[in-house]
Amino acid sequence: MEAICMRIGKSVAVVCLDGFCQLINGVCTRYPEKLVQFLGCSSSHAVASVATVADVQHDLHQHIKKLQKVVVATLSDAEGPFRSRDAAMVVSLMLTMSQRLQQDSMELQQVLGWCQKLCMEQSVDDHSLVKALVKLLFTLTLQLKSGTSVMRKMSGDIHYHLGDVEEDVEVAEQCNYAVVSPTTASPTVMVSLIGHLDRVLDDIDWMVNQMKSRVCPLDLSAAEGVRAPEVQDTLENAVCVRLAGTVLSLHHLSQSAVVCVVTDPLLKVLTHVYISLCAAVKYFLAVYNQHVGELSGQFEKLVKLTATRLQPQVYSLITYIQSTQGPEPIVTKKGKGKKAPAVRGRVLRETKTVPNLIYHIEQYEKFLIQLSTKSKVNLMENFKRSTSRDFRINTAALEQALNGQQDSDDEQLNDAEKENSAMETQHDGSSQEPETKKTNSKRGIARSDQSMVSSSKKAKV
């Protein structure tokens, strides 16, 4: 492929790569069963029609390996035919082809190992390539069900690069994945991680619904009067382990000094995890109502984990968001404050997401209290009531409002005094004019009287 790219030129090579990716996506969407046959026809070493599933998987894996070489060559050679943005297109193509591999197959594990090693060792500055690599890593992890260690480590890296919500807290250094850097941690990697956590919680909700459907008289043994333990205990442990991994990941994310772009997705995934926790608690309430079992040790550890590692950080995050990302009016030329449309929209979203999150936290505590009564186990032992849900007076905002009101009152008083003084001045000027007219008229009357007296004297003479 490198020789072909050097022969046709960089610009043409990029166009050819784009067209090839579009073709693969079209074949995978409309004719997925003919993908290997199409790849064989497009290759210079075309093979005969494959007969077995193993041959199909092997041939598909060989094409994925070729794409892996293209990505590695692009990252190692900056002057090559492809750029980092083009490598992101290749990684997306690898994701499409990897979804055709069988679960728990050696080929799929090799692709996951290659992607994980690349994300750990290769530092990438291009955000599109980082997003594609992280998406491939998370998708393969979810497809192989390889646990929650990847998202826990990556959330720790994000927390380290973004810093803590408390300015005086120094975060311990964590550099598990080189693709997570101060420039890519937020929002590129963090948004992808939040989306992955949301998908994990969707799987957990499905598993809890399966568990609830089994807690019924049809699934009980008539002789023993208890539930079938094997399948149910396996599902309970799987749900508790996945929820614990999700809680530990959100433990790091909720302590991170997040920016405005990721605030709303983070609050929504926190709400989702509490909805899933409520569903798990309701399942155990149904177990006690049906008298078919009891609490598991894994679930008790999970409840303690949410009380000590998640809930305090969630309320600290809410306080941090309200204090640092509050609405700030934009001062116009006339001096009046006016909120920008983007700020106003963000404030409206937060007024819905934050109360919704607090509501589901309180619902989780409510059902835990009921479960504690049923099971005779104090599940609320490690929970502490936070002040974030209580009515609080923002003293700084109150003082600022009072000072602004006092300034406006002073200005109004000054304006009123100026108007009064102007009116008094005008009244004085108008009152002087009649007085001068009165004096002049009096003088005229006196003169006329004197002339009349003089004329009478003359007449007598």
Protein backbone atom coordinates (compact mmCIF):
# COMPACT_ATOMS: atom_id res chain seq x y z
CA MET A 1 0.00 0.00 0.00
CA GLU A 2 2.89 2.36 0.76
CA ALA A 3 4.32 1.80 -2.75
CA ILE A 4 0.97 2.55 -4.36
CA CYS A 5 0.61 5.74 -2.33
CA MET A 6 4.07 6.95 -3.30
CA ARG A 7 3.31 6.31 -6.95
CA ILE A 8 -0.05 8.06 -7.17
CA GLY A 9 0.73 10.96 -4.81
CA LYS A 10 -0.58 12.07 -1.44
CA SER A 11 -3.75 13.83 -2.52
CA VAL A 12 -4.90 10.97 -4.73
CA ALA A 13 -4.03 8.43 -2.01
CA VAL A 14 -6.28 10.22 0.46
CA VAL A 15 -9.16 10.23 -2.03
CA CYS A 16 -8.65 6.53 -2.69
CA LEU A 17 -8.62 5.78 1.04
CA ASP A 18 -11.83 7.74 1.53
CA GLY A 19 -13.52 5.87 -1.30
CA PHE A 20 -12.34 2.50 0.04
CA CYS A 21 -13.74 3.30 3.49
CA GLN A 22 -17.07 4.30 1.98
CA LEU A 23 -17.22 1.03 0.05
CA ILE A 24 -16.47 -1.07 3.12
CA ASN A 25 -19.11 0.75 5.15
CA GLY A 26 -21.65 0.21 2.39
CA VAL A 27 -20.90 -3.49 2.10
CA CYS A 28 -21.03 -3.97 5.89
CA THR A 29 -24.36 -2.19 6.02
CA ARG A 30 -26.14 -3.83 3.08
CA TYR A 31 -24.26 -7.10 2.43
CA PRO A 32 -22.39 -8.08 5.62
CA GLU A 33 -22.15 -11.75 4.62
CA LYS A 34 -20.19 -10.80 1.48
CA LEU A 35 -17.59 -8.61 3.19
CA VAL A 36 -14.76 -11.16 3.02
CA GLN A 37 -15.53 -11.92 -0.62
CA PHE A 38 -15.43 -8.21 -1.44
CA LEU A 39 -12.12 -7.76 0.38
CA GLY A 40 -10.67 -10.74 -1.50
CA CYS A 41 -11.70 -9.23 -4.83
CA SER A 42 -10.24 -5.84 -3.92
CA SER A 43 -6.93 -7.36 -2.79
CA SER A 44 -4.04 -7.97 -5.14
CA HIS A 45 -3.82 -11.52 -3.80
CA ALA A 46 -7.38 -12.62 -4.32
CA VAL A 47 -8.32 -15.88 -2.66
CA ALA A 48 -10.91 -18.42 -3.53
CA SER A 49 -14.27 -18.46 -1.88
CA VAL A 50 -13.88 -19.42 1.75
CA ALA A 51 -15.71 -22.45 3.01
CA THR A 52 -15.61 -22.39 6.79
CA VAL A 53 -16.27 -19.78 9.43
CA ALA A 54 -12.68 -20.07 10.65
CA ASP A 55 -11.40 -19.21 7.18
CA VAL A 56 -13.69 -16.17 7.05
CA GLN A 57 -12.46 -14.96 10.43
CA HIS A 58 -8.82 -15.52 9.48
CA ASP A 59 -9.12 -13.69 6.17
CA LEU A 60 -10.93 -10.77 7.80
CA HIS A 61 -8.27 -10.58 10.47
CA GLN A 62 -5.53 -10.45 7.83
CA HIS A 63 -7.13 -7.39 6.26
CA ILE A 64 -7.40 -5.75 9.70
CA LYS A 65 -3.68 -6.35 10.21
CA LYS A 66 -2.96 -4.45 6.99
CA LEU A 67 -4.91 -1.51 8.30
CA GLN A 68 -2.96 -1.71 11.56
CA LYS A 69 0.28 -1.34 9.62
CA VAL A 70 -1.09 1.73 7.85
CA VAL A 71 -1.94 3.38 11.20
CA VAL A 72 1.46 2.60 12.71
CA ALA A 73 3.26 3.87 9.60
CA THR A 74 1.24 7.09 9.64
CA LEU A 75 2.07 7.78 13.29
CA SER A 76 5.78 6.97 12.89
CA ASP A 77 6.35 8.88 9.62
CA ALA A 78 5.08 12.47 9.63
CA GLU A 79 6.04 12.92 5.96
CA GLY A 80 4.17 9.86 4.75
CA PRO A 81 1.23 9.85 2.34
CA PHE A 82 -1.36 9.94 5.13
CA ARG A 83 -1.92 12.35 8.01
CA SER A 84 -3.34 11.76 11.46
CA ARG A 85 -6.80 12.72 10.23
CA ASP A 86 -6.55 10.03 7.55
CA ALA A 87 -5.39 7.50 10.16
CA ALA A 88 -8.59 8.22 12.10
CA MET A 89 -10.53 7.14 9.02
CA VAL A 90 -8.56 3.89 8.94
CA VAL A 91 -9.22 3.24 12.64
CA SER A 92 -12.94 3.77 12.08
CA LEU A 93 -12.76 1.24 9.25
CA MET A 94 -11.04 -1.21 11.61
CA LEU A 95 -13.90 -0.75 14.06
CA THR A 96 -16.44 -1.61 11.37
CA MET A 97 -14.54 -4.73 10.35
CA SER A 98 -13.81 -5.84 13.93
CA GLN A 99 -17.51 -5.96 14.71
CA ARG A 100 -17.74 -8.83 12.17
CA LEU A 101 -15.32 -10.93 14.20
CA GLN A 102 -16.71 -13.51 16.59
CA GLN A 103 -16.81 -12.74 20.30
CA ASP A 104 -14.13 -14.39 22.48
CA SER A 105 -12.12 -15.22 19.37
CA MET A 106 -8.34 -15.00 19.25
CA GLU A 107 -8.53 -12.56 16.34
CA LEU A 108 -10.68 -10.13 18.30
CA GLN A 109 -8.38 -10.38 21.32
CA GLN A 110 -5.40 -9.57 19.09
CA VAL A 111 -7.09 -6.42 17.78
CA LEU A 112 -7.93 -5.35 21.34
CA GLY A 113 -4.36 -5.98 22.50
CA TRP A 114 -2.95 -3.96 19.59
CA CYS A 115 -5.31 -1.05 20.24
CA GLN A 116 -4.64 -1.05 23.98
CA LYS A 117 -0.88 -1.10 23.47
CA LEU A 118 -1.07 1.75 20.97
CA CYS A 119 -3.19 3.87 23.32
CA MET A 120 -0.76 3.24 26.18
CA GLU A 121 2.48 3.94 24.31
CA GLN A 122 1.67 6.38 21.50
CA SER A 123 1.07 10.04 22.28
CA VAL A 124 -1.34 11.54 19.73
CA ASP A 125 -2.18 15.22 19.35
CA ASP A 126 -4.87 14.93 16.68
CA HIS A 127 -8.26 14.92 18.41
CA SER A 128 -10.05 12.99 15.65
CA LEU A 129 -7.50 10.16 15.81
CA VAL A 130 -7.65 10.07 19.62
CA LYS A 131 -11.43 9.87 19.48
CA ALA A 132 -11.31 7.02 16.95
CA LEU A 133 -8.72 5.04 18.96
CA VAL A 134 -10.58 5.45 22.25
CA LYS A 135 -13.88 4.48 20.62
CA LEU A 136 -12.27 1.35 19.14
CA LEU A 137 -10.78 0.45 22.54
CA PHE A 138 -14.08 0.86 24.39
CA THR A 139 -16.11 -1.00 21.76
CA LEU A 140 -13.75 -4.00 21.75
CA THR A 141 -13.68 -4.01 25.55
CA LEU A 142 -17.46 -4.10 25.67
CA GLN A 143 -17.60 -6.73 22.94
CA LEU A 144 -15.16 -9.02 24.76
CA LYS A 145 -16.59 -8.21 28.22
CA SER A 146 -13.05 -7.85 29.49
CA GLY A 147 -13.96 -6.01 32.70
CA THR A 148 -13.89 -2.41 33.83
CA SER A 149 -10.16 -1.86 34.35
CA VAL A 150 -9.80 0.16 31.13
CA MET A 151 -12.38 2.79 32.06
CA ARG A 152 -11.11 2.97 35.66
CA LYS A 153 -7.54 3.66 34.55
CA MET A 154 -8.60 6.16 31.90
CA SER A 155 -10.83 8.04 34.33
CA GLY A 156 -7.86 8.28 36.70
CA ASP A 157 -5.74 9.75 33.90
CA ILE A 158 -8.45 12.31 33.13
CA HIS A 159 -8.63 13.31 36.80
CA TYR A 160 -4.87 13.78 36.91
CA HIS A 161 -4.70 15.95 33.78
CA LEU A 162 -7.76 18.11 34.58
CA GLY A 163 -7.02 18.60 38.25
CA ASP A 164 -9.31 18.35 41.26
CA VAL A 165 -12.39 20.41 42.04
CA GLU A 166 -10.64 21.42 45.25
CA GLU A 167 -7.79 23.74 44.33
CA ASP A 168 -5.66 22.79 47.32
CA VAL A 169 -5.84 19.04 46.54
CA GLU A 170 -2.92 17.61 44.57
CA VAL A 171 -3.89 14.62 42.42
CA ALA A 172 -1.55 11.64 42.39
CA GLU A 173 0.24 11.19 39.09
CA GLN A 174 -1.37 8.65 36.77
CA CYS A 175 -0.24 8.08 33.20
CA ASN A 176 -1.71 4.75 32.12
CA TYR A 177 -2.65 5.84 28.59
CA ALA A 178 -0.46 8.14 26.52
CA VAL A 179 -3.37 9.26 24.33
CA VAL A 180 -4.83 11.02 27.40
CA SER A 181 -3.04 14.35 27.69
CA PRO A 182 -3.93 17.81 29.03
CA THR A 183 -5.15 18.79 25.55
CA THR A 184 -7.13 15.60 24.78
CA ALA A 185 -8.48 14.73 28.25
CA SER A 186 -11.42 17.10 27.97
CA PRO A 187 -13.64 17.04 26.08
CA THR A 188 -12.37 14.41 23.57
CA VAL A 189 -11.53 11.46 25.81
CA MET A 190 -13.96 12.35 28.58
CA VAL A 191 -16.98 12.51 26.27
CA SER A 192 -16.05 9.12 24.77
CA LEU A 193 -15.62 7.63 28.24
CA ILE A 194 -18.99 8.99 29.40
CA GLY A 195 -20.65 7.45 26.33
CA HIS A 196 -18.99 4.11 27.13
CA LEU A 197 -20.20 4.29 30.74
CA ASP A 198 -23.71 4.96 29.48
CA ARG A 199 -23.59 1.83 27.31
CA VAL A 200 -22.28 -0.24 30.23
CA LEU A 201 -25.17 0.98 32.38
CA ASP A 202 -27.62 0.02 29.63
CA ASP A 203 -26.25 -3.54 29.77
CA ILE A 204 -26.57 -3.51 33.56
CA ASP A 205 -30.20 -2.41 33.32
CA TRP A 206 -30.89 -5.29 30.94
CA MET A 207 -29.26 -7.76 33.34
CA VAL A 208 -31.27 -6.44 36.29
CA ASN A 209 -34.48 -6.85 34.30
CA GLN A 210 -33.48 -10.45 33.58
CA MET A 211 -32.91 -11.00 37.29
CA LYS A 212 -36.31 -9.55 38.15
CA SER A 213 -38.03 -11.80 35.62
CA ARG A 214 -36.57 -14.84 37.38
CA VAL A 215 -37.86 -13.86 40.82
CA CYS A 216 -41.27 -15.50 40.42
CA PRO A 217 -42.95 -18.75 41.51
CA LEU A 218 -42.39 -20.33 38.09
CA ASP A 219 -38.63 -20.28 38.61
CA LEU A 220 -38.77 -21.78 42.12
CA SER A 221 -38.31 -25.36 43.07
CA ALA A 222 -41.51 -26.69 44.64
CA ALA A 223 -39.59 -29.00 46.95
CA GLU A 224 -37.02 -26.53 48.26
CA GLY A 225 -39.08 -23.34 48.01
CA VAL A 226 -36.03 -21.30 47.04
CA ARG A 227 -34.80 -19.73 43.82
CA ALA A 228 -32.43 -21.51 41.44
CA PRO A 229 -29.11 -20.32 42.87
CA GLU A 230 -26.61 -20.84 40.05
CA VAL A 231 -27.89 -18.51 37.35
CA GLN A 232 -29.22 -15.95 39.77
CA ASP A 233 -26.04 -15.71 41.83
CA THR A 234 -23.95 -15.39 38.67
CA LEU A 235 -26.09 -12.52 37.43
CA GLU A 236 -26.03 -10.80 40.84
CA ASN A 237 -22.24 -10.96 41.04
CA ALA A 238 -21.86 -9.73 37.46
CA VAL A 239 -24.17 -6.78 38.10
CA CYS A 240 -22.39 -5.85 41.34
CA VAL A 241 -18.93 -6.07 39.74
CA ARG A 242 -19.91 -3.90 36.78
CA LEU A 243 -21.67 -1.36 38.97
CA ALA A 244 -18.61 -1.22 41.24
CA GLY A 245 -16.35 -0.55 38.27
CA THR A 246 -18.68 2.16 37.01
CA VAL A 247 -18.84 3.77 40.47
CA LEU A 248 -15.03 3.81 40.73
CA SER A 249 -14.75 5.41 37.29
CA LEU A 250 -17.28 8.08 38.20
CA HIS A 251 -15.44 8.57 41.48
CA HIS A 252 -12.53 10.02 39.48
CA LEU A 253 -14.65 11.90 36.95
CA SER A 254 -16.80 13.58 39.59
CA GLN A 255 -13.64 14.92 41.26
CA SER A 256 -12.25 16.37 38.03
CA ALA A 257 -12.34 20.10 37.33
CA VAL A 258 -14.60 19.72 34.30
CA VAL A 259 -15.33 22.37 31.70
CA CYS A 260 -18.75 23.53 30.61
CA VAL A 261 -18.86 21.27 27.54
CA VAL A 262 -18.86 18.01 29.52
CA THR A 263 -20.91 19.20 32.52
CA ASP A 264 -24.29 18.14 31.13
CA PRO A 265 -23.18 14.65 29.91
CA LEU A 266 -21.43 13.98 33.22
CA LEU A 267 -24.50 14.92 35.27
CA LYS A 268 -26.67 12.72 33.03
CA VAL A 269 -24.45 9.64 33.41
CA LEU A 270 -24.37 10.21 37.18
CA THR A 271 -28.16 10.25 37.11
CA HIS A 272 -28.12 7.04 35.06
CA VAL A 273 -25.90 5.22 37.55
CA TYR A 274 -28.25 6.11 40.40
CA ILE A 275 -31.21 4.87 38.35
CA SER A 276 -29.37 1.56 37.86
CA LEU A 277 -28.58 1.38 41.57
CA CYS A 278 -32.26 1.97 42.37
CA ALA A 279 -33.19 -0.88 40.03
CA ALA A 280 -30.75 -3.20 41.82
CA VAL A 281 -32.17 -2.23 45.22
CA LYS A 282 -35.73 -2.83 43.98
CA TYR A 283 -34.65 -6.28 42.78
CA PHE A 284 -33.48 -7.24 46.27
CA LEU A 285 -36.70 -5.82 47.72
CA ALA A 286 -38.60 -8.15 45.40
CA VAL A 287 -36.40 -11.02 46.55
CA TYR A 288 -37.37 -10.36 50.18
CA ASN A 289 -41.04 -9.85 49.31
CA GLN A 290 -41.08 -13.23 47.54
CA HIS A 291 -39.03 -14.85 50.36
CA VAL A 292 -36.65 -16.39 47.83
CA GLY A 293 -33.27 -15.18 49.00
CA GLU A 294 -31.23 -12.59 50.86
CA LEU A 295 -28.63 -9.90 50.33
CA SER A 296 -25.30 -10.88 48.81
CA GLY A 297 -21.98 -9.77 50.23
CA GLN A 298 -21.07 -8.18 46.89
CA PHE A 299 -24.11 -5.93 47.04
CA GLU A 300 -23.31 -4.78 50.57
CA LYS A 301 -19.81 -3.82 49.41
CA LEU A 302 -21.33 -1.97 46.47
CA VAL A 303 -23.62 0.05 48.73
CA LYS A 304 -20.67 0.97 50.97
CA LEU A 305 -18.69 1.97 47.88
CA THR A 306 -21.43 4.33 46.70
CA ALA A 307 -21.66 5.89 50.17
CA THR A 308 -17.93 6.51 50.61
CA ARG A 309 -16.52 6.95 47.10
CA LEU A 310 -19.32 8.42 44.99
CA GLN A 311 -21.95 10.39 46.89
CA PRO A 312 -19.61 12.92 48.62
CA GLN A 313 -17.84 13.60 45.34
CA VAL A 314 -21.14 14.09 43.52
CA TYR A 315 -22.26 16.80 45.92
CA SER A 316 -18.83 18.44 45.75
CA LEU A 317 -19.13 18.44 41.96
CA ILE A 318 -22.57 20.08 42.13
CA THR A 319 -21.19 22.79 44.42
CA TYR A 320 -18.21 23.29 42.09
CA ILE A 321 -20.43 23.63 39.03
CA GLN A 322 -22.76 26.09 40.73
CA SER A 323 -19.88 28.22 42.00
CA THR A 324 -17.59 28.27 38.96
CA GLN A 325 -19.97 27.90 36.01
CA GLY A 326 -22.79 30.16 37.11
CA PRO A 327 -24.44 32.62 34.72
CA GLU A 328 -22.50 35.85 34.22
CA PRO A 329 -24.35 38.75 32.61
CA ILE A 330 -22.79 40.39 29.58
CA VAL A 331 -22.56 44.16 29.95
CA THR A 332 -23.80 46.06 26.93
CA LYS A 333 -22.98 49.60 25.89
CA LYS A 334 -25.92 50.98 27.83
CA GLY A 335 -24.56 49.38 30.99
CA LYS A 336 -27.40 46.88 31.42
CA GLY A 337 -26.61 43.22 32.05
CA LYS A 338 -27.91 40.75 29.49
CA LYS A 339 -27.38 36.99 29.39
CA ALA A 340 -26.06 35.49 26.18
CA PRO A 341 -28.31 32.85 24.54
CA ALA A 342 -25.68 30.10 25.03
CA VAL A 343 -25.29 30.91 28.71
CA ARG A 344 -29.05 31.08 29.16
CA GLY A 345 -29.50 27.68 27.49
CA ARG A 346 -26.80 26.11 29.66
CA VAL A 347 -28.42 27.50 32.79
CA LEU A 348 -31.79 26.05 31.76
CA ARG A 349 -30.23 22.63 31.20
CA GLU A 350 -28.50 22.69 34.57
CA THR A 351 -31.73 23.67 36.32
CA LYS A 352 -33.16 20.37 35.04
CA THR A 353 -30.19 18.00 35.34
CA VAL A 354 -29.04 18.93 38.85
CA PRO A 355 -32.48 18.57 40.54
CA ASN A 356 -33.06 15.35 38.58
CA LEU A 357 -29.76 13.96 39.85
CA ILE A 358 -30.52 14.90 43.45
CA TYR A 359 -33.99 13.37 43.15
CA HIS A 360 -32.61 9.99 42.04
CA ILE A 361 -29.99 10.07 44.81
CA GLU A 362 -32.75 10.55 47.35
CA GLN A 363 -34.80 7.78 45.73
CA TYR A 364 -31.79 5.47 46.04
CA GLU A 365 -31.49 6.30 49.75
CA LYS A 366 -35.23 5.84 50.22
CA PHE A 367 -35.21 2.29 48.81
CA LEU A 368 -32.05 1.48 50.76
CA ILE A 369 -33.87 2.38 53.99
CA GLN A 370 -36.71 0.04 53.01
CA LEU A 371 -34.23 -2.72 52.16
CA SER A 372 -32.44 -2.20 55.49
CA THR A 373 -35.76 -2.75 57.28
CA LYS A 374 -36.47 -5.90 55.27
CA SER A 375 -33.00 -7.43 55.57
CA LYS A 376 -32.19 -6.30 59.14
CA VAL A 377 -28.87 -4.97 57.78
CA ASN A 378 -27.93 -1.32 58.30
CA LEU A 379 -27.13 -0.31 54.73
CA MET A 380 -27.26 3.42 55.58
CA GLU A 381 -24.36 3.20 58.01
CA ASN A 382 -21.84 5.03 55.80
CA PHE A 383 -24.21 7.59 54.26
CA LYS A 384 -24.01 11.24 55.29
CA ARG A 385 -26.55 13.90 54.54
CA SER A 386 -25.00 16.59 52.42
CA THR A 387 -25.75 20.31 52.57
CA SER A 388 -25.99 20.61 48.82
CA ARG A 389 -29.66 19.64 48.84
CA ASP A 390 -30.56 22.08 51.64
CA PHE A 391 -31.69 25.67 51.17
CA ARG A 392 -28.59 27.85 51.00
CA ILE A 393 -28.13 31.62 50.86
CA ASN A 394 -25.38 32.74 48.55
CA THR A 395 -23.94 35.54 50.65
CA ALA A 396 -21.65 36.85 47.92
CA ALA A 397 -24.49 37.17 45.43
CA LEU A 398 -26.72 38.69 48.10
CA GLU A 399 -24.15 41.34 49.04
CA GLN A 400 -23.56 42.14 45.39
CA ALA A 401 -27.29 42.56 44.80
CA LEU A 402 -27.68 44.75 47.89
CA ASN A 403 -24.72 46.91 46.90
CA GLY A 404 -26.12 47.27 43.41
CA GLN A 405 -29.53 48.22 44.79
CA GLN A 406 -27.93 50.75 47.16
CA ASP A 407 -25.96 52.30 44.30
CA SER A 408 -29.11 52.57 42.21
CA ASP A 409 -30.97 54.17 45.16
CA ASP A 410 -28.15 56.69 45.63
CA GLU A 411 -28.24 57.54 41.94
CA GLN A 412 -32.00 58.06 42.10
CA LEU A 413 -31.61 60.35 45.15
CA ASN A 414 -28.92 62.38 43.39
CA ASP A 415 -31.08 62.74 40.30
CA ALA A 416 -34.04 63.82 42.45
CA GLU A 417 -31.93 66.43 44.26
CA LYS A 418 -30.66 67.80 40.95
CA GLU A 419 -34.21 68.07 39.63
CA ASN A 420 -35.38 69.84 42.80
CA SER A 421 -32.52 72.34 42.66
CA ALA A 422 -33.24 73.06 39.00
CA MET A 423 -36.92 73.65 39.73
CA GLU A 424 -36.09 75.98 42.64
CA THR A 425 -33.73 78.00 40.45
CA GLN A 426 -36.39 78.33 37.79
CA HIS A 427 -38.99 79.36 40.40
CA ASP A 428 -36.72 82.08 41.81
CA GLY A 429 -36.12 83.59 38.39
CA SER A 430 -39.81 83.66 37.58
CA SER A 431 -40.71 85.27 40.96
CA GLN A 432 -38.27 88.18 40.46
CA GLU A 433 -39.97 89.36 37.24
CA PRO A 434 -43.35 90.20 38.84
CA GLU A 435 -41.63 92.10 41.65
CA THR A 436 -39.79 94.38 39.17
CA LYS A 437 -43.05 94.95 37.35
CA LYS A 438 -44.76 95.89 40.63
CA THR A 439 -42.02 98.41 41.56
CA ASN A 440 -42.17 99.97 38.13
CA SER A 441 -45.92 100.31 38.34
CA LYS A 442 -45.67 101.87 41.82
CA ARG A 443 -43.14 104.40 40.52
CA GLY A 444 -45.46 105.27 37.63
CA ILE A 445 -48.38 105.79 40.02
CA ALA A 446 -46.26 108.03 42.25
CA ARG A 447 -45.20 110.14 39.29
CA SER A 448 -48.77 110.52 38.10
CA ASP A 449 -49.84 111.62 41.60
CA GLN A 450 -47.14 114.27 41.74
CA SER A 451 -48.17 115.67 38.34
CA MET A 452 -51.80 115.85 39.45
CA VAL A 453 -50.83 117.76 42.62
CA SER A 454 -48.72 120.24 40.65
CA SER A 455 -51.53 120.86 38.17
CA SER A 456 -54.05 121.56 40.96
CA LYS A 457 -51.72 124.10 42.51
CA LYS A 458 -51.43 125.93 39.24
CA ALA A 459 -55.20 126.05 38.86
CA LYS A 460 -55.64 127.64 42.27
CA VAL A 461 -53.11 130.32 41.45
